[in-house]
Amino acid sequence: MAERGRPPWGSRGPLGAVLAAPAGWLVFVLLLPTTARWVQAGWRAARSREGLRIRMVGWAVLIVSVALIVIGLAVLATALRR
């Protein structure tokens, strides 16, 4: 890691610039607890007996937050593999 050149986790382009920054890849790790809370809130709303609209919003929040977790982990895995 101390040698010159591109770091092993950095790729070319804007994503590589973010990931090559000091601890730039930690952004995805720091977002995991937030999206995990969104999953929890979405699950509660999806299982709510308040009404159809609240359940639909709950399922939407749940799907989006799970997708964000999967995308973040995939980007992190791709960046670390290079």
N, C-alpha and C. Protein backbone atom coordinates (compact mmCIF):
# COMPACT_ATOMS: atom_id res chain seq x y z
N MET A 1 0.82 -1.19 0.00
CA MET A 1 0.00 0.00 0.00
C MET A 1 0.86 1.26 0.00
N ALA A 2 2.12 1.14 0.41
CA ALA A 2 2.97 2.32 0.48
C ALA A 2 3.65 2.63 -0.84
N GLU A 3 3.48 1.77 -1.84
CA GLU A 3 4.15 2.03 -3.10
C GLU A 3 3.42 3.09 -3.91
N ARG A 4 4.10 3.63 -4.89
CA ARG A 4 3.50 4.67 -5.71
C ARG A 4 2.51 4.08 -6.69
N GLY A 5 1.66 4.93 -7.18
CA GLY A 5 0.68 4.49 -8.15
C GLY A 5 -0.71 4.44 -7.55
N ARG A 6 -1.56 3.84 -8.28
CA ARG A 6 -2.95 3.76 -7.89
C ARG A 6 -3.12 2.74 -6.76
N PRO A 7 -3.91 3.05 -5.74
CA PRO A 7 -4.14 2.08 -4.68
C PRO A 7 -4.93 0.89 -5.22
N PRO A 8 -4.82 -0.26 -4.61
CA PRO A 8 -5.49 -1.45 -5.15
C PRO A 8 -7.01 -1.36 -5.17
N TRP A 9 -7.61 -0.57 -4.31
CA TRP A 9 -9.06 -0.47 -4.27
C TRP A 9 -9.59 0.66 -5.15
N GLY A 10 -8.71 1.46 -5.72
CA GLY A 10 -9.15 2.58 -6.56
C GLY A 10 -9.21 2.19 -8.01
N SER A 11 -10.26 2.56 -8.68
CA SER A 11 -10.38 2.33 -10.11
C SER A 11 -10.43 3.68 -10.80
N ARG A 12 -10.36 3.67 -12.08
CA ARG A 12 -10.40 4.94 -12.83
C ARG A 12 -11.82 5.48 -12.86
N GLY A 13 -11.92 6.79 -12.95
CA GLY A 13 -13.23 7.42 -13.03
C GLY A 13 -13.65 8.03 -11.71
N PRO A 14 -14.88 8.56 -11.67
CA PRO A 14 -15.35 9.23 -10.45
C PRO A 14 -15.50 8.29 -9.26
N LEU A 15 -15.94 7.05 -9.50
CA LEU A 15 -16.05 6.10 -8.40
C LEU A 15 -14.68 5.80 -7.81
N GLY A 16 -13.70 5.64 -8.67
CA GLY A 16 -12.33 5.39 -8.20
C GLY A 16 -11.77 6.56 -7.42
N ALA A 17 -12.14 7.77 -7.84
CA ALA A 17 -11.67 8.95 -7.11
C ALA A 17 -12.22 8.98 -5.69
N VAL A 18 -13.48 8.60 -5.54
CA VAL A 18 -14.08 8.57 -4.20
C VAL A 18 -13.47 7.45 -3.38
N LEU A 19 -13.35 6.27 -3.99
CA LEU A 19 -12.85 5.12 -3.25
C LEU A 19 -11.36 5.23 -2.95
N ALA A 20 -10.62 5.98 -3.78
CA ALA A 20 -9.19 6.14 -3.55
C ALA A 20 -8.89 7.21 -2.51
N ALA A 21 -9.88 8.02 -2.18
CA ALA A 21 -9.69 9.04 -1.16
C ALA A 21 -9.40 8.36 0.17
N PRO A 22 -8.74 9.08 1.07
CA PRO A 22 -8.49 8.47 2.38
C PRO A 22 -9.80 8.02 3.03
N ALA A 23 -9.91 6.73 3.21
CA ALA A 23 -11.09 6.10 3.81
C ALA A 23 -12.37 6.37 3.03
N GLY A 24 -12.25 6.60 1.72
CA GLY A 24 -13.43 6.86 0.90
C GLY A 24 -14.36 5.67 0.81
N TRP A 25 -13.81 4.47 0.84
CA TRP A 25 -14.64 3.28 0.75
C TRP A 25 -15.45 3.06 2.03
N LEU A 26 -15.07 3.74 3.11
CA LEU A 26 -15.81 3.60 4.35
C LEU A 26 -17.21 4.24 4.29
N VAL A 27 -17.44 5.05 3.25
CA VAL A 27 -18.77 5.65 3.10
C VAL A 27 -19.82 4.56 3.06
N PHE A 28 -19.54 3.47 2.33
CA PHE A 28 -20.51 2.40 2.22
C PHE A 28 -20.69 1.67 3.54
N VAL A 29 -19.61 1.51 4.27
CA VAL A 29 -19.69 0.85 5.57
C VAL A 29 -20.49 1.70 6.56
N LEU A 30 -20.31 3.01 6.49
CA LEU A 30 -21.04 3.90 7.39
C LEU A 30 -22.52 4.00 7.04
N LEU A 31 -22.86 3.76 5.79
CA LEU A 31 -24.26 3.83 5.40
C LEU A 31 -25.04 2.57 5.76
N LEU A 32 -24.36 1.48 6.04
CA LEU A 32 -25.06 0.24 6.36
C LEU A 32 -25.97 0.34 7.59
N PRO A 33 -25.53 0.94 8.70
CA PRO A 33 -26.45 1.05 9.84
C PRO A 33 -27.69 1.90 9.53
N THR A 34 -27.50 2.94 8.74
CA THR A 34 -28.64 3.80 8.37
C THR A 34 -29.64 3.03 7.53
N THR A 35 -29.16 2.32 6.53
CA THR A 35 -30.08 1.57 5.69
C THR A 35 -30.69 0.39 6.45
N ALA A 36 -29.97 -0.14 7.41
CA ALA A 36 -30.54 -1.21 8.24
C ALA A 36 -31.72 -0.66 9.06
N ARG A 37 -31.60 0.56 9.53
CA ARG A 37 -32.72 1.20 10.25
C ARG A 37 -33.90 1.42 9.31
N TRP A 38 -33.60 1.78 8.04
CA TRP A 38 -34.66 1.96 7.05
C TRP A 38 -35.38 0.64 6.79
N VAL A 39 -34.62 -0.45 6.76
CA VAL A 39 -35.24 -1.77 6.59
C VAL A 39 -36.19 -2.03 7.75
N GLN A 40 -35.74 -1.74 8.93
CA GLN A 40 -36.58 -1.96 10.12
C GLN A 40 -37.84 -1.10 10.08
N ALA A 41 -37.69 0.17 9.73
CA ALA A 41 -38.85 1.07 9.66
C ALA A 41 -39.79 0.65 8.54
N GLY A 42 -39.24 0.26 7.41
CA GLY A 42 -40.07 -0.19 6.30
C GLY A 42 -40.83 -1.46 6.64
N TRP A 43 -40.17 -2.38 7.34
CA TRP A 43 -40.84 -3.62 7.74
C TRP A 43 -41.99 -3.33 8.69
N ARG A 44 -41.76 -2.43 9.63
CA ARG A 44 -42.83 -2.07 10.58
C ARG A 44 -44.02 -1.44 9.86
N ALA A 45 -43.73 -0.55 8.92
CA ALA A 45 -44.81 0.09 8.17
C ALA A 45 -45.51 -0.90 7.26
N ALA A 46 -44.75 -1.82 6.66
CA ALA A 46 -45.35 -2.81 5.76
C ALA A 46 -46.26 -3.77 6.53
N ARG A 47 -45.94 -4.04 7.77
CA ARG A 47 -46.74 -4.95 8.58
C ARG A 47 -47.82 -4.20 9.40
N SER A 48 -47.92 -2.90 9.19
CA SER A 48 -48.86 -2.08 9.95
C SER A 48 -50.31 -2.39 9.54
N ARG A 49 -51.21 -2.11 10.44
CA ARG A 49 -52.63 -2.29 10.15
C ARG A 49 -53.31 -0.93 9.96
N GLU A 50 -52.51 0.10 9.72
CA GLU A 50 -53.04 1.46 9.57
C GLU A 50 -53.82 1.64 8.28
N GLY A 51 -53.35 1.09 7.21
CA GLY A 51 -54.03 1.25 5.94
C GLY A 51 -53.15 0.80 4.79
N LEU A 52 -53.77 0.70 3.65
CA LEU A 52 -53.06 0.22 2.46
C LEU A 52 -51.94 1.17 2.05
N ARG A 53 -52.17 2.46 2.11
CA ARG A 53 -51.16 3.43 1.69
C ARG A 53 -49.89 3.33 2.55
N ILE A 54 -50.06 3.19 3.84
CA ILE A 54 -48.90 3.08 4.74
C ILE A 54 -48.16 1.77 4.48
N ARG A 55 -48.89 0.70 4.24
CA ARG A 55 -48.23 -0.57 3.93
C ARG A 55 -47.48 -0.49 2.61
N MET A 56 -48.04 0.18 1.62
CA MET A 56 -47.36 0.33 0.33
C MET A 56 -46.08 1.14 0.47
N VAL A 57 -46.14 2.22 1.23
CA VAL A 57 -44.95 3.03 1.48
C VAL A 57 -43.92 2.22 2.26
N GLY A 58 -44.37 1.43 3.21
CA GLY A 58 -43.46 0.58 3.97
C GLY A 58 -42.74 -0.41 3.08
N TRP A 59 -43.48 -1.06 2.17
CA TRP A 59 -42.83 -2.00 1.25
C TRP A 59 -41.86 -1.29 0.32
N ALA A 60 -42.22 -0.07 -0.12
CA ALA A 60 -41.32 0.69 -0.99
C ALA A 60 -40.02 1.05 -0.25
N VAL A 61 -40.15 1.50 0.98
CA VAL A 61 -38.96 1.84 1.78
C VAL A 61 -38.11 0.59 2.01
N LEU A 62 -38.76 -0.52 2.30
CA LEU A 62 -38.05 -1.78 2.52
C LEU A 62 -37.29 -2.21 1.26
N ILE A 63 -37.92 -2.16 0.12
CA ILE A 63 -37.28 -2.58 -1.13
C ILE A 63 -36.13 -1.65 -1.49
N VAL A 64 -36.32 -0.35 -1.36
CA VAL A 64 -35.26 0.62 -1.69
C VAL A 64 -34.07 0.46 -0.75
N SER A 65 -34.33 0.28 0.53
CA SER A 65 -33.22 0.17 1.47
C SER A 65 -32.44 -1.13 1.29
N VAL A 66 -33.12 -2.22 1.00
CA VAL A 66 -32.41 -3.47 0.72
C VAL A 66 -31.60 -3.34 -0.57
N ALA A 67 -32.17 -2.68 -1.56
CA ALA A 67 -31.44 -2.45 -2.81
C ALA A 67 -30.20 -1.59 -2.57
N LEU A 68 -30.31 -0.58 -1.73
CA LEU A 68 -29.14 0.25 -1.41
C LEU A 68 -28.06 -0.54 -0.70
N ILE A 69 -28.44 -1.43 0.18
CA ILE A 69 -27.46 -2.27 0.86
C ILE A 69 -26.75 -3.17 -0.15
N VAL A 70 -27.52 -3.79 -1.03
CA VAL A 70 -26.93 -4.69 -2.03
C VAL A 70 -26.03 -3.93 -2.98
N ILE A 71 -26.46 -2.76 -3.43
CA ILE A 71 -25.63 -1.96 -4.34
C ILE A 71 -24.36 -1.50 -3.65
N GLY A 72 -24.48 -1.04 -2.42
CA GLY A 72 -23.29 -0.59 -1.69
C GLY A 72 -22.29 -1.71 -1.48
N LEU A 73 -22.76 -2.89 -1.14
CA LEU A 73 -21.86 -4.02 -0.96
C LEU A 73 -21.25 -4.47 -2.28
N ALA A 74 -22.04 -4.39 -3.36
CA ALA A 74 -21.50 -4.76 -4.68
C ALA A 74 -20.43 -3.79 -5.14
N VAL A 75 -20.65 -2.51 -4.93
CA VAL A 75 -19.63 -1.51 -5.30
C VAL A 75 -18.38 -1.69 -4.46
N LEU A 76 -18.55 -1.93 -3.19
CA LEU A 76 -17.41 -2.15 -2.32
C LEU A 76 -16.64 -3.41 -2.73
N ALA A 77 -17.35 -4.47 -3.03
CA ALA A 77 -16.69 -5.71 -3.46
C ALA A 77 -15.96 -5.52 -4.78
N THR A 78 -16.57 -4.79 -5.70
CA THR A 78 -15.94 -4.53 -6.99
C THR A 78 -14.69 -3.68 -6.82
N ALA A 79 -14.77 -2.70 -5.96
CA ALA A 79 -13.62 -1.82 -5.74
C ALA A 79 -12.47 -2.56 -5.06
N LEU A 80 -12.80 -3.46 -4.15
CA LEU A 80 -11.76 -4.18 -3.43
C LEU A 80 -11.16 -5.31 -4.28
N ARG A 81 -11.92 -5.79 -5.26
CA ARG A 81 -11.43 -6.87 -6.11
C ARG A 81 -10.40 -6.38 -7.11
N ARG A 82 -10.45 -5.11 -7.50
CA ARG A 82 -9.53 -4.58 -8.51
C ARG A 82 -8.17 -4.35 -7.97
